[in-house]
PDB file of all heavy atoms in Angstrom:
ATOM      1  N   GLN A   1       5.048 -10.198  -3.024  1.00  0.00           N
ATOM      2  CA  GLN A   1       3.585 -10.176  -2.938  1.00  0.00           C
ATOM      3  C   GLN A   1       3.139  -8.916  -2.150  1.00  0.00           C
ATOM      4  O   GLN A   1       2.126  -8.305  -2.507  1.00  0.00           O
ATOM      5  CB  GLN A   1       3.043 -11.426  -2.197  1.00  0.00           C
ATOM      6  CG  GLN A   1       3.174 -12.655  -3.046  1.00  0.00           C
ATOM      7  CD  GLN A   1       2.858 -13.902  -2.248  1.00  0.00           C
ATOM      8  OE1 GLN A   1       3.165 -14.013  -1.055  1.00  0.00           O
ATOM      9  NE2 GLN A   1       2.229 -14.875  -2.862  1.00  0.00           N
ATOM     10  N   ILE A   2       3.843  -8.548  -1.106  1.00  0.00           N
ATOM     11  CA  ILE A   2       3.500  -7.301  -0.404  1.00  0.00           C
ATOM     12  C   ILE A   2       3.606  -6.106  -1.278  1.00  0.00           C
ATOM     13  O   ILE A   2       2.709  -5.251  -1.306  1.00  0.00           O
ATOM     14  CB  ILE A   2       4.445  -7.150   0.854  1.00  0.00           C
ATOM     15  CG1 ILE A   2       4.230  -8.307   1.893  1.00  0.00           C
ATOM     16  CG2 ILE A   2       4.216  -5.789   1.517  1.00  0.00           C
ATOM     17  CD1 ILE A   2       5.255  -8.378   2.954  1.00  0.00           C
ATOM     18  N   LYS A   3       4.694  -6.053  -2.058  1.00  0.00           N
ATOM     19  CA  LYS A   3       4.887  -4.910  -2.948  1.00  0.00           C
ATOM     20  C   LYS A   3       3.806  -4.840  -3.992  1.00  0.00           C
ATOM     21  O   LYS A   3       3.249  -3.812  -4.321  1.00  0.00           O
ATOM     22  CB  LYS A   3       6.248  -4.969  -3.601  1.00  0.00           C
ATOM     23  CG  LYS A   3       6.597  -3.636  -4.310  1.00  0.00           C
ATOM     24  CD  LYS A   3       8.078  -3.569  -4.699  1.00  0.00           C
ATOM     25  CE  LYS A   3       8.450  -2.281  -5.268  1.00  0.00           C
ATOM     26  NZ  LYS A   3       9.882  -2.133  -5.563  1.00  0.00           N
ATOM     27  N   ASP A   4       3.390  -6.073  -4.501  1.00  0.00           N
ATOM     28  CA  ASP A   4       2.318  -6.076  -5.449  1.00  0.00           C
ATOM     29  C   ASP A   4       1.012  -5.600  -4.891  1.00  0.00           C
ATOM     30  O   ASP A   4       0.265  -4.802  -5.494  1.00  0.00           O
ATOM     31  CB  ASP A   4       2.081  -7.533  -5.972  1.00  0.00           C
ATOM     32  CG  ASP A   4       3.162  -7.960  -6.991  1.00  0.00           C
ATOM     33  OD1 ASP A   4       3.893  -7.047  -7.492  1.00  0.00           O
ATOM     34  OD2 ASP A   4       3.274  -9.161  -7.279  1.00  0.00           O
ATOM     35  N   GLU A   5       0.658  -5.999  -3.644  1.00  0.00           N
ATOM     36  CA  GLU A   5      -0.538  -5.569  -2.956  1.00  0.00           C
ATOM     37  C   GLU A   5      -0.609  -4.055  -2.916  1.00  0.00           C
ATOM     38  O   GLU A   5      -1.673  -3.477  -3.203  1.00  0.00           O
ATOM     39  CB  GLU A   5      -0.581  -6.163  -1.556  1.00  0.00           C
ATOM     40  CG  GLU A   5      -1.026  -7.604  -1.453  1.00  0.00           C
ATOM     41  CD  GLU A   5      -2.549  -7.728  -1.578  1.00  0.00           C
ATOM     42  OE1 GLU A   5      -3.243  -6.764  -1.204  1.00  0.00           O
ATOM     43  OE2 GLU A   5      -3.004  -8.827  -2.014  1.00  0.00           O
ATOM     44  N   TYR A   6       0.480  -3.409  -2.504  1.00  0.00           N
ATOM     45  CA  TYR A   6       0.404  -1.952  -2.312  1.00  0.00           C
ATOM     46  C   TYR A   6       0.643  -1.163  -3.579  1.00  0.00           C
ATOM     47  O   TYR A   6       0.190  -0.038  -3.748  1.00  0.00           O
ATOM     48  CB  TYR A   6       1.404  -1.559  -1.213  1.00  0.00           C
ATOM     49  CG  TYR A   6       0.793  -1.818   0.153  1.00  0.00           C
ATOM     50  CD1 TYR A   6       0.970  -3.030   0.822  1.00  0.00           C
ATOM     51  CD2 TYR A   6      -0.066  -0.860   0.725  1.00  0.00           C
ATOM     52  CE1 TYR A   6       0.388  -3.256   2.017  1.00  0.00           C
ATOM     53  CE2 TYR A   6      -0.676  -1.099   1.949  1.00  0.00           C
ATOM     54  CZ  TYR A   6      -0.399  -2.277   2.611  1.00  0.00           C
ATOM     55  OH  TYR A   6      -1.072  -2.564   3.801  1.00  0.00           O
ATOM     56  N   THR A   7       1.327  -1.761  -4.580  1.00  0.00           N
ATOM     57  CA  THR A   7       1.470  -1.115  -5.885  1.00  0.00           C
ATOM     58  C   THR A   7       0.212  -1.103  -6.580  1.00  0.00           C
ATOM     59  O   THR A   7      -0.271  -0.016  -7.154  1.00  0.00           O
ATOM     60  CB  THR A   7       2.518  -1.840  -6.745  1.00  0.00           C
ATOM     61  OG1 THR A   7       3.813  -1.798  -6.060  1.00  0.00           O
ATOM     62  CG2 THR A   7       2.667  -1.157  -8.105  1.00  0.00           C
ATOM     63  N   ILE A   8      -0.581  -2.183  -6.574  1.00  0.00           N
ATOM     64  CA  ILE A   8      -1.960  -2.167  -7.221  1.00  0.00           C
ATOM     65  C   ILE A   8      -2.825  -1.228  -6.482  1.00  0.00           C
ATOM     66  O   ILE A   8      -3.632  -0.430  -7.072  1.00  0.00           O
ATOM     67  CB  ILE A   8      -2.476  -3.635  -7.172  1.00  0.00           C
ATOM     68  CG1 ILE A   8      -1.642  -4.557  -8.062  1.00  0.00           C
ATOM     69  CG2 ILE A   8      -3.950  -3.649  -7.675  1.00  0.00           C
ATOM     70  CD1 ILE A   8      -2.007  -6.009  -7.935  1.00  0.00           C
ATOM     71  N   ASN A   9      -2.753  -1.216  -5.111  1.00  0.00           N
ATOM     72  CA  ASN A   9      -3.524  -0.308  -4.320  1.00  0.00           C
ATOM     73  C   ASN A   9      -3.247   1.143  -4.694  1.00  0.00           C
ATOM     74  O   ASN A   9      -4.175   1.975  -4.895  1.00  0.00           O
ATOM     75  CB  ASN A   9      -3.195  -0.586  -2.818  1.00  0.00           C
ATOM     76  CG  ASN A   9      -4.076   0.140  -1.815  1.00  0.00           C
ATOM     77  OD1 ASN A   9      -3.751   0.079  -0.650  1.00  0.00           O
ATOM     78  ND2 ASN A   9      -5.145   0.734  -2.265  1.00  0.00           N
ATOM     79  N   LEU A  10      -1.969   1.458  -4.777  1.00  0.00           N
ATOM     80  CA  LEU A  10      -1.552   2.810  -5.077  1.00  0.00           C
ATOM     81  C   LEU A  10      -2.035   3.208  -6.444  1.00  0.00           C
ATOM     82  O   LEU A  10      -2.527   4.387  -6.618  1.00  0.00           O
ATOM     83  CB  LEU A  10      -0.003   2.874  -5.011  1.00  0.00           C
ATOM     84  CG  LEU A  10       0.649   4.265  -5.356  1.00  0.00           C
ATOM     85  CD1 LEU A  10       0.272   5.257  -4.292  1.00  0.00           C
ATOM     86  CD2 LEU A  10       2.121   4.099  -5.412  1.00  0.00           C
ATOM     87  N   ASN A  11      -1.901   2.387  -7.431  1.00  0.00           N
ATOM     88  CA  ASN A  11      -2.338   2.701  -8.770  1.00  0.00           C
ATOM     89  C   ASN A  11      -3.810   2.891  -8.906  1.00  0.00           C
ATOM     90  O   ASN A  11      -4.258   3.800  -9.606  1.00  0.00           O
ATOM     91  CB  ASN A  11      -1.821   1.572  -9.765  1.00  0.00           C
ATOM     92  CG  ASN A  11      -0.312   1.580  -9.954  1.00  0.00           C
ATOM     93  OD1 ASN A  11       0.320   2.587  -9.719  1.00  0.00           O
ATOM     94  ND2 ASN A  11       0.173   0.440 -10.381  1.00  0.00           N
ATOM     95  N   ALA A  12      -4.568   2.121  -8.143  1.00  0.00           N
ATOM     96  CA  ALA A  12      -6.026   2.248  -8.153  1.00  0.00           C
ATOM     97  C   ALA A  12      -6.444   3.600  -7.554  1.00  0.00           C
ATOM     98  O   ALA A  12      -7.349   4.258  -8.080  1.00  0.00           O
ATOM     99  CB  ALA A  12      -6.724   1.099  -7.420  1.00  0.00           C
ATOM    100  N   VAL A  13      -5.786   3.989  -6.459  1.00  0.00           N
ATOM    101  CA  VAL A  13      -6.110   5.229  -5.833  1.00  0.00           C
ATOM    102  C   VAL A  13      -5.714   6.425  -6.759  1.00  0.00           C
ATOM    103  O   VAL A  13      -6.446   7.384  -6.962  1.00  0.00           O
ATOM    104  CB  VAL A  13      -5.385   5.350  -4.461  1.00  0.00           C
ATOM    105  CG1 VAL A  13      -5.507   6.783  -3.926  1.00  0.00           C
ATOM    106  CG2 VAL A  13      -5.984   4.368  -3.503  1.00  0.00           C
ATOM    107  N   LYS A  14      -4.533   6.296  -7.318  1.00  0.00           N
ATOM    108  CA  LYS A  14      -4.042   7.400  -8.246  1.00  0.00           C
ATOM    109  C   LYS A  14      -4.987   7.540  -9.432  1.00  0.00           C
ATOM    110  O   LYS A  14      -5.266   8.676  -9.863  1.00  0.00           O
ATOM    111  CB  LYS A  14      -2.666   7.068  -8.677  1.00  0.00           C
ATOM    112  CG  LYS A  14      -2.055   8.217  -9.540  1.00  0.00           C
ATOM    113  CD  LYS A  14      -0.657   7.917  -9.921  1.00  0.00           C
ATOM    114  CE  LYS A  14      -0.025   9.061 -10.771  1.00  0.00           C
ATOM    115  NZ  LYS A  14       1.352   8.780 -11.189  1.00  0.00           N
ATOM    116  N   ALA A  15      -5.504   6.447  -9.947  1.00  0.00           N
ATOM    117  CA  ALA A  15      -6.462   6.489 -11.096  1.00  0.00           C
ATOM    118  C   ALA A  15      -7.743   7.220 -10.704  1.00  0.00           C
ATOM    119  O   ALA A  15      -8.295   7.885 -11.534  1.00  0.00           O
ATOM    120  CB  ALA A  15      -6.746   5.104 -11.581  1.00  0.00           C
ATOM    121  N   ALA A  16      -8.125   7.097  -9.434  1.00  0.00           N
ATOM    122  CA  ALA A  16      -9.406   7.699  -9.012  1.00  0.00           C
ATOM    123  C   ALA A  16      -9.255   9.141  -8.601  1.00  0.00           C
ATOM    124  O   ALA A  16     -10.106  10.003  -8.866  1.00  0.00           O
ATOM    125  CB  ALA A  16      -9.973   6.886  -7.855  1.00  0.00           C
ATOM    126  N   ILE A  17      -8.196   9.502  -7.895  1.00  0.00           N
ATOM    127  CA  ILE A  17      -8.034  10.838  -7.341  1.00  0.00           C
ATOM    128  C   ILE A  17      -6.887  11.640  -7.929  1.00  0.00           C
ATOM    129  O   ILE A  17      -6.745  12.818  -7.619  1.00  0.00           O
ATOM    130  CB  ILE A  17      -7.920  10.811  -5.789  1.00  0.00           C
ATOM    131  CG1 ILE A  17      -6.577  10.276  -5.369  1.00  0.00           C
ATOM    132  CG2 ILE A  17      -9.067  10.016  -5.203  1.00  0.00           C
ATOM    133  CD1 ILE A  17      -6.318  10.347  -3.891  1.00  0.00           C
ATOM    134  N   GLY A  18      -6.028  11.014  -8.710  1.00  0.00           N
ATOM    135  CA  GLY A  18      -4.940  11.725  -9.304  1.00  0.00           C
ATOM    136  C   GLY A  18      -3.788  12.047  -8.445  1.00  0.00           C
ATOM    137  O   GLY A  18      -2.901  12.882  -8.752  1.00  0.00           O
ATOM    138  N   LYS A  19      -3.724  11.414  -7.205  1.00  0.00           N
ATOM    139  CA  LYS A  19      -2.663  11.645  -6.250  1.00  0.00           C
ATOM    140  C   LYS A  19      -2.204  10.306  -5.670  1.00  0.00           C
ATOM    141  O   LYS A  19      -2.925   9.324  -5.643  1.00  0.00           O
ATOM    142  CB  LYS A  19      -3.151  12.550  -5.115  1.00  0.00           C
ATOM    143  CG  LYS A  19      -3.508  13.968  -5.607  1.00  0.00           C
ATOM    144  CD  LYS A  19      -4.003  14.837  -4.397  1.00  0.00           C
ATOM    145  CE  LYS A  19      -5.406  14.414  -3.979  1.00  0.00           C
ATOM    146  NZ  LYS A  19      -5.988  15.414  -3.052  1.00  0.00           N
ATOM    147  N   GLU A  20      -0.915  10.285  -5.245  1.00  0.00           N
ATOM    148  CA  GLU A  20      -0.299   9.087  -4.723  1.00  0.00           C
ATOM    149  C   GLU A  20      -0.109   9.162  -3.203  1.00  0.00           C
ATOM    150  O   GLU A  20       0.713   9.986  -2.797  1.00  0.00           O
ATOM    151  CB  GLU A  20       1.058   8.823  -5.375  1.00  0.00           C
ATOM    152  CG  GLU A  20       0.975   8.558  -6.856  1.00  0.00           C
ATOM    153  CD  GLU A  20       2.310   8.165  -7.444  1.00  0.00           C
ATOM    154  OE1 GLU A  20       3.138   7.598  -6.725  1.00  0.00           O
ATOM    155  OE2 GLU A  20       2.593   8.502  -8.636  1.00  0.00           O
ATOM    156  N   PRO A  21      -0.828   8.536  -2.403  1.00  0.00           N
ATOM    157  CA  PRO A  21      -0.699   8.601  -0.946  1.00  0.00           C
ATOM    158  C   PRO A  21       0.713   8.161  -0.466  1.00  0.00           C
ATOM    159  O   PRO A  21       1.305   7.314  -1.097  1.00  0.00           O
ATOM    160  CB  PRO A  21      -1.776   7.649  -0.425  1.00  0.00           C
ATOM    161  CG  PRO A  21      -2.803   7.540  -1.567  1.00  0.00           C
ATOM    162  CD  PRO A  21      -1.972   7.596  -2.766  1.00  0.00           C
ATOM    163  N   THR A  22       1.099   8.722   0.674  1.00  0.00           N
ATOM    164  CA  THR A  22       2.375   8.405   1.275  1.00  0.00           C
ATOM    165  C   THR A  22       2.232   7.601   2.513  1.00  0.00           C
ATOM    166  O   THR A  22       3.201   7.206   3.151  1.00  0.00           O
ATOM    167  CB  THR A  22       3.142   9.660   1.658  1.00  0.00           C
ATOM    168  OG1 THR A  22       2.390  10.405   2.621  1.00  0.00           O
ATOM    169  CG2 THR A  22       3.358  10.565   0.423  1.00  0.00           C
ATOM    170  N   MET A  23       0.955   7.334   2.940  1.00  0.00           N
ATOM    171  CA  MET A  23       0.709   6.615   4.157  1.00  0.00           C
ATOM    172  C   MET A  23      -0.117   5.337   3.925  1.00  0.00           C
ATOM    173  O   MET A  23      -0.892   5.259   3.004  1.00  0.00           O
ATOM    174  CB  MET A  23      -0.055   7.513   5.175  1.00  0.00           C
ATOM    175  CG  MET A  23       0.740   8.786   5.486  1.00  0.00           C
ATOM    176  SD  MET A  23      -0.098   9.872   6.687  1.00  0.00           S
ATOM    177  CE  MET A  23       0.813  11.410   6.466  1.00  0.00           C
ATOM    178  N   ALA A  24       0.168   4.367   4.738  1.00  0.00           N
ATOM    179  CA  ALA A  24      -0.505   3.060   4.592  1.00  0.00           C
ATOM    180  C   ALA A  24      -0.785   2.402   5.918  1.00  0.00           C
ATOM    181  O   ALA A  24      -0.071   2.632   6.936  1.00  0.00           O
ATOM    182  CB  ALA A  24       0.445   2.120   3.768  1.00  0.00           C
ATOM    183  N   ARG A  25      -1.770   1.562   5.957  1.00  0.00           N
ATOM    184  CA  ARG A  25      -2.157   0.799   7.113  1.00  0.00           C
ATOM    185  C   ARG A  25      -2.175  -0.649   6.683  1.00  0.00           C
ATOM    186  O   ARG A  25      -2.882  -1.035   5.714  1.00  0.00           O
ATOM    187  CB  ARG A  25      -3.461   1.199   7.717  1.00  0.00           C
ATOM    188  CG  ARG A  25      -3.955   0.321   8.851  1.00  0.00           C
ATOM    189  CD  ARG A  25      -5.216   0.901   9.487  1.00  0.00           C
ATOM    190  NE  ARG A  25      -4.877   2.085  10.322  1.00  0.00           N
ATOM    191  CZ  ARG A  25      -5.771   2.953  10.694  1.00  0.00           C
ATOM    192  NH1 ARG A  25      -7.044   2.873  10.329  1.00  0.00           N
ATOM    193  NH2 ARG A  25      -5.379   4.020  11.487  1.00  0.00           N
ATOM    194  N   PRO A  26      -1.475  -1.531   7.378  1.00  0.00           N
ATOM    195  CA  PRO A  26      -1.559  -2.961   7.014  1.00  0.00           C
ATOM    196  C   PRO A  26      -2.833  -3.576   7.588  1.00  0.00           C
ATOM    197  O   PRO A  26      -3.254  -3.307   8.691  1.00  0.00           O
ATOM    198  CB  PRO A  26      -0.326  -3.595   7.721  1.00  0.00           C
ATOM    199  CG  PRO A  26      -0.035  -2.638   8.879  1.00  0.00           C
ATOM    200  CD  PRO A  26      -0.519  -1.321   8.442  1.00  0.00           C
ATOM    201  N   PRO A  27      -3.515  -4.490   6.852  1.00  0.00           N
ATOM    202  CA  PRO A  27      -4.717  -5.149   7.341  1.00  0.00           C
ATOM    203  C   PRO A  27      -4.377  -5.887   8.673  1.00  0.00           C
ATOM    204  O   PRO A  27      -3.259  -6.454   8.811  1.00  0.00           O
ATOM    205  CB  PRO A  27      -5.029  -6.150   6.242  1.00  0.00           C
ATOM    206  CG  PRO A  27      -4.557  -5.457   5.009  1.00  0.00           C
ATOM    207  CD  PRO A  27      -3.258  -4.772   5.402  1.00  0.00           C
ATOM    208  N   PHE A  28      -5.273  -5.790   9.603  1.00  0.00           N
ATOM    209  CA  PHE A  28      -5.175  -6.415  10.932  1.00  0.00           C
ATOM    210  C   PHE A  28      -4.029  -5.789  11.773  1.00  0.00           C
ATOM    211  O   PHE A  28      -3.800  -6.186  12.923  1.00  0.00           O
ATOM    212  CB  PHE A  28      -4.916  -7.916  10.874  1.00  0.00           C
ATOM    213  CG  PHE A  28      -5.663  -8.593   9.819  1.00  0.00           C
ATOM    214  CD1 PHE A  28      -5.031  -9.146   8.687  1.00  0.00           C
ATOM    215  CD2 PHE A  28      -7.041  -8.825   9.947  1.00  0.00           C
ATOM    216  CE1 PHE A  28      -5.773  -9.808   7.754  1.00  0.00           C
ATOM    217  CE2 PHE A  28      -7.787  -9.451   8.990  1.00  0.00           C
ATOM    218  CZ  PHE A  28      -7.136 -10.006   7.865  1.00  0.00           C
ATOM    219  N   GLY A  29      -3.404  -4.693  11.292  1.00  0.00           N
ATOM    220  CA  GLY A  29      -2.239  -4.120  11.932  1.00  0.00           C
ATOM    221  C   GLY A  29      -1.017  -5.009  11.878  1.00  0.00           C
ATOM    222  O   GLY A  29      -0.048  -4.746  12.577  1.00  0.00           O
ATOM    223  N   ASN A  30      -1.012  -5.962  10.981  1.00  0.00           N
ATOM    224  CA  ASN A  30       0.087  -6.927  10.838  1.00  0.00           C
ATOM    225  C   ASN A  30       1.110  -6.437   9.837  1.00  0.00           C
ATOM    226  O   ASN A  30       0.846  -6.439   8.643  1.00  0.00           O
ATOM    227  CB  ASN A  30      -0.450  -8.335  10.407  1.00  0.00           C
ATOM    228  CG  ASN A  30      -1.242  -8.982  11.477  1.00  0.00           C
ATOM    229  OD1 ASN A  30      -1.303  -8.532  12.622  1.00  0.00           O
ATOM    230  ND2 ASN A  30      -1.798 -10.165  11.172  1.00  0.00           N
ATOM    231  N   CYS A  31       2.256  -6.146  10.340  1.00  0.00           N
ATOM    232  CA  CYS A  31       3.350  -5.740   9.473  1.00  0.00           C
ATOM    233  C   CYS A  31       4.675  -5.966  10.262  1.00  0.00           C
ATOM    234  O   CYS A  31       5.155  -5.170  11.013  1.00  0.00           O
ATOM    235  CB  CYS A  31       3.232  -4.253   9.115  1.00  0.00           C
ATOM    236  SG  CYS A  31       4.402  -3.747   7.815  1.00  0.00           S
ATOM    237  N   ASN A  32       5.232  -7.182   9.957  1.00  0.00           N
ATOM    238  CA  ASN A  32       6.472  -7.546  10.662  1.00  0.00           C
ATOM    239  C   ASN A  32       7.689  -6.889   9.972  1.00  0.00           C
ATOM    240  O   ASN A  32       7.507  -6.026   9.124  1.00  0.00           O
ATOM    241  CB  ASN A  32       6.614  -9.062  10.633  1.00  0.00           C
ATOM    242  CG  ASN A  32       6.604  -9.698   9.266  1.00  0.00           C
ATOM    243  OD1 ASN A  32       6.793  -8.968   8.258  1.00  0.00           O
ATOM    244  ND2 ASN A  32       6.307 -10.973   9.206  1.00  0.00           N
ATOM    245  N   GLU A  33       8.843  -7.305  10.413  1.00  0.00           N
ATOM    246  CA  GLU A  33      10.053  -6.644   9.894  1.00  0.00           C
ATOM    247  C   GLU A  33      10.171  -6.721   8.352  1.00  0.00           C
ATOM    248  O   GLU A  33      10.563  -5.719   7.705  1.00  0.00           O
ATOM    249  CB  GLU A  33      11.273  -7.241  10.560  1.00  0.00           C
ATOM    250  CG  GLU A  33      12.560  -6.550  10.182  1.00  0.00           C
ATOM    251  CD  GLU A  33      13.782  -7.149  10.929  1.00  0.00           C
ATOM    252  OE1 GLU A  33      13.629  -7.968  11.842  1.00  0.00           O
ATOM    253  OE2 GLU A  33      14.937  -6.767  10.631  1.00  0.00           O
ATOM    254  N   ALA A  34       9.835  -7.895   7.779  1.00  0.00           N
ATOM    255  CA  ALA A  34       9.855  -8.050   6.320  1.00  0.00           C
ATOM    256  C   ALA A  34       8.917  -7.125   5.618  1.00  0.00           C
ATOM    257  O   ALA A  34       9.177  -6.466   4.616  1.00  0.00           O
ATOM    258  CB  ALA A  34       9.620  -9.502   5.972  1.00  0.00           C
ATOM    259  N   CYS A  35       7.668  -6.982   6.199  1.00  0.00           N
ATOM    260  CA  CYS A  35       6.670  -6.102   5.643  1.00  0.00           C
ATOM    261  C   CYS A  35       7.098  -4.669   5.717  1.00  0.00           C
ATOM    262  O   CYS A  35       7.040  -3.906   4.745  1.00  0.00           O
ATOM    263  CB  CYS A  35       5.393  -6.319   6.447  1.00  0.00           C
ATOM    264  SG  CYS A  35       4.107  -5.025   6.222  1.00  0.00           S
ATOM    265  N   ALA A  36       7.648  -4.293   6.867  1.00  0.00           N
ATOM    266  CA  ALA A  36       8.069  -2.887   7.128  1.00  0.00           C
ATOM    267  C   ALA A  36       9.163  -2.547   6.106  1.00  0.00           C
ATOM    268  O   ALA A  36       9.243  -1.409   5.641  1.00  0.00           O
ATOM    269  CB  ALA A  36       8.522  -2.680   8.497  1.00  0.00           C
ATOM    270  N   LYS A  37      10.082  -3.475   5.831  1.00  0.00           N
ATOM    271  CA  LYS A  37      11.143  -3.237   4.870  1.00  0.00           C
ATOM    272  C   LYS A  37      10.608  -2.891   3.533  1.00  0.00           C
ATOM    273  O   LYS A  37      11.153  -2.002   2.811  1.00  0.00           O
ATOM    274  CB  LYS A  37      12.070  -4.490   4.764  1.00  0.00           C
ATOM    275  CG  LYS A  37      13.319  -4.238   3.954  1.00  0.00           C
ATOM    276  CD  LYS A  37      14.203  -5.476   3.948  1.00  0.00           C
ATOM    277  CE  LYS A  37      15.478  -5.193   3.149  1.00  0.00           C
ATOM    278  NZ  LYS A  37      15.238  -4.898   1.746  1.00  0.00           N
TER     279      LYS A  37
END
């Protein structure tokens, strides 16, 4: 689910600006070990 969240996010951004960001921020600052992996 985490990968789906950011893959969809990435694709939406790429469709709008033609570039793929390398940086991300987790909502609420929540990103445990599994998320970071």
